[in-house]
Amino acid sequence: MPNLKPLVNNVDLYNNFIDYIESQIKITQRSLEQAHTLVDVHRLQGTIYAYRRLLKMREDVNGPEPIKTSR
């Protein structure tokens, strides 16, 4: 996972990555709406799940952000 740190910690690069993933999710959702078979529906749902996991990559690589408490 250390190889992914430059991607998730570079704000510009990571934002471009997130924009790309979100656009792919929208495209896949459109395909899902037009799916004709149950196999296609399941395949497209799995694709969307994988894309959404990529959206959480920063947390996976850097760990969860600490909880901020007000004192």
C-alpha atoms as a PDB file:
ATOM      1  CA  MET A   1       0.000   0.000   0.000  1.00  0.00           C
ATOM      2  CA  PRO A   2       2.888   2.461   0.373  1.00  0.00           C
ATOM      3  CA  ASN A   3       2.930   2.745  -3.433  1.00  0.00           C
ATOM      4  CA  LEU A   4      -0.526   4.359  -3.303  1.00  0.00           C
ATOM      5  CA  LYS A   5       0.400   7.099  -0.824  1.00  0.00           C
ATOM      6  CA  PRO A   6       1.622   9.507  -3.533  1.00  0.00           C
ATOM      7  CA  LEU A   7      -1.764   9.217  -5.280  1.00  0.00           C
ATOM      8  CA  VAL A   8      -3.967   9.678  -2.233  1.00  0.00           C
ATOM      9  CA  ASN A   9      -1.864  12.443  -0.661  1.00  0.00           C
ATOM     10  CA  ASN A  10      -1.499  14.589  -3.800  1.00  0.00           C
ATOM     11  CA  VAL A  11      -4.650  16.720  -3.689  1.00  0.00           C
ATOM     12  CA  ASP A  12      -4.823  17.583  -7.403  1.00  0.00           C
ATOM     13  CA  LEU A  13      -4.070  14.065  -8.557  1.00  0.00           C
ATOM     14  CA  TYR A  14      -6.484  12.503  -6.065  1.00  0.00           C
ATOM     15  CA  ASN A  15      -9.294  14.927  -6.974  1.00  0.00           C
ATOM     16  CA  ASN A  16      -8.860  14.056 -10.664  1.00  0.00           C
ATOM     17  CA  PHE A  17      -8.952  10.365  -9.751  1.00  0.00           C
ATOM     18  CA  ILE A  18     -12.172  10.860  -7.729  1.00  0.00           C
ATOM     19  CA  ASP A  19     -13.774  12.808 -10.600  1.00  0.00           C
ATOM     20  CA  TYR A  20     -12.931   9.983 -12.998  1.00  0.00           C
ATOM     21  CA  ILE A  21     -14.331   7.303 -10.672  1.00  0.00           C
ATOM     22  CA  GLU A  22     -17.536   9.289 -10.118  1.00  0.00           C
ATOM     23  CA  SER A  23     -18.023   9.708 -13.867  1.00  0.00           C
ATOM     24  CA  GLN A  24     -17.530   5.956 -14.341  1.00  0.00           C
ATOM     25  CA  ILE A  25     -20.163   5.285 -11.659  1.00  0.00           C
ATOM     26  CA  LYS A  26     -22.656   7.514 -13.501  1.00  0.00           C
ATOM     27  CA  ILE A  27     -21.977   5.731 -16.790  1.00  0.00           C
ATOM     28  CA  THR A  28     -22.378   2.343 -15.133  1.00  0.00           C
ATOM     29  CA  GLN A  29     -25.620   3.435 -13.441  1.00  0.00           C
ATOM     30  CA  ARG A  30     -27.022   4.410 -16.843  1.00  0.00           C
ATOM     31  CA  SER A  31     -26.084   0.976 -18.156  1.00  0.00           C
ATOM     32  CA  LEU A  32     -27.696  -0.606 -15.107  1.00  0.00           C
ATOM     33  CA  GLU A  33     -30.959   1.192 -15.849  1.00  0.00           C
ATOM     34  CA  GLN A  34     -30.951  -0.337 -19.326  1.00  0.00           C
ATOM     35  CA  ALA A  35     -29.825  -3.841 -18.373  1.00  0.00           C
ATOM     36  CA  HIS A  36     -31.998  -6.599 -19.824  1.00  0.00           C
ATOM     37  CA  THR A  37     -30.827  -9.665 -17.946  1.00  0.00           C
ATOM     38  CA  LEU A  38     -30.297 -10.466 -14.303  1.00  0.00           C
ATOM     39  CA  VAL A  39     -26.700 -11.409 -15.080  1.00  0.00           C
ATOM     40  CA  ASP A  40     -26.069  -7.915 -16.476  1.00  0.00           C
ATOM     41  CA  VAL A  41     -27.703  -6.322 -13.422  1.00  0.00           C
ATOM     42  CA  HIS A  42     -25.475  -8.292 -11.043  1.00  0.00           C
ATOM     43  CA  ARG A  43     -22.347  -7.580 -13.089  1.00  0.00           C
ATOM     44  CA  LEU A  44     -23.051  -3.849 -13.189  1.00  0.00           C
ATOM     45  CA  GLN A  45     -23.887  -3.750  -9.476  1.00  0.00           C
ATOM     46  CA  GLY A  46     -20.526  -5.399  -8.792  1.00  0.00           C
ATOM     47  CA  THR A  47     -18.804  -2.821 -10.967  1.00  0.00           C
ATOM     48  CA  ILE A  48     -20.417   0.037  -9.054  1.00  0.00           C
ATOM     49  CA  TYR A  49     -19.439  -1.605  -5.762  1.00  0.00           C
ATOM     50  CA  ALA A  50     -15.808  -1.817  -6.924  1.00  0.00           C
ATOM     51  CA  TYR A  51     -15.811   1.844  -7.993  1.00  0.00           C
ATOM     52  CA  ARG A  52     -17.235   2.893  -4.630  1.00  0.00           C
ATOM     53  CA  ARG A  53     -14.491   0.950  -2.854  1.00  0.00           C
ATOM     54  CA  LEU A  54     -11.977   2.964  -4.874  1.00  0.00           C
ATOM     55  CA  LEU A  55     -13.610   6.152  -3.583  1.00  0.00           C
ATOM     56  CA  LYS A  56     -12.621   5.026  -0.080  1.00  0.00           C
ATOM     57  CA  MET A  57      -9.018   4.293  -1.039  1.00  0.00           C
ATOM     58  CA  ARG A  58      -7.604   7.274   0.891  1.00  0.00           C
ATOM     59  CA  GLU A  59      -9.019   5.895   4.150  1.00  0.00           C
ATOM     60  CA  ASP A  60      -7.709   2.424   3.357  1.00  0.00           C
ATOM     61  CA  VAL A  61      -4.203   3.702   2.627  1.00  0.00           C
ATOM     62  CA  ASN A  62      -3.853   6.391   5.312  1.00  0.00           C
ATOM     63  CA  GLY A  63      -6.115   4.851   7.936  1.00  0.00           C
ATOM     64  CA  PRO A  64      -9.205   6.503   9.378  1.00  0.00           C
ATOM     65  CA  GLU A  65      -8.950  10.162  10.264  1.00  0.00           C
ATOM     66  CA  PRO A  66      -8.809  10.804  13.985  1.00  0.00           C
ATOM     67  CA  ILE A  67     -12.031  11.910  15.608  1.00  0.00           C
ATOM     68  CA  LYS A  68     -11.885  15.597  16.476  1.00  0.00           C
ATOM     69  CA  THR A  69     -13.269  16.463  19.870  1.00  0.00           C
ATOM     70  CA  SER A  70     -13.957  19.978  21.056  1.00  0.00           C
ATOM     71  CA  ARG A  71     -12.542  20.810  24.431  1.00  0.00           C
END
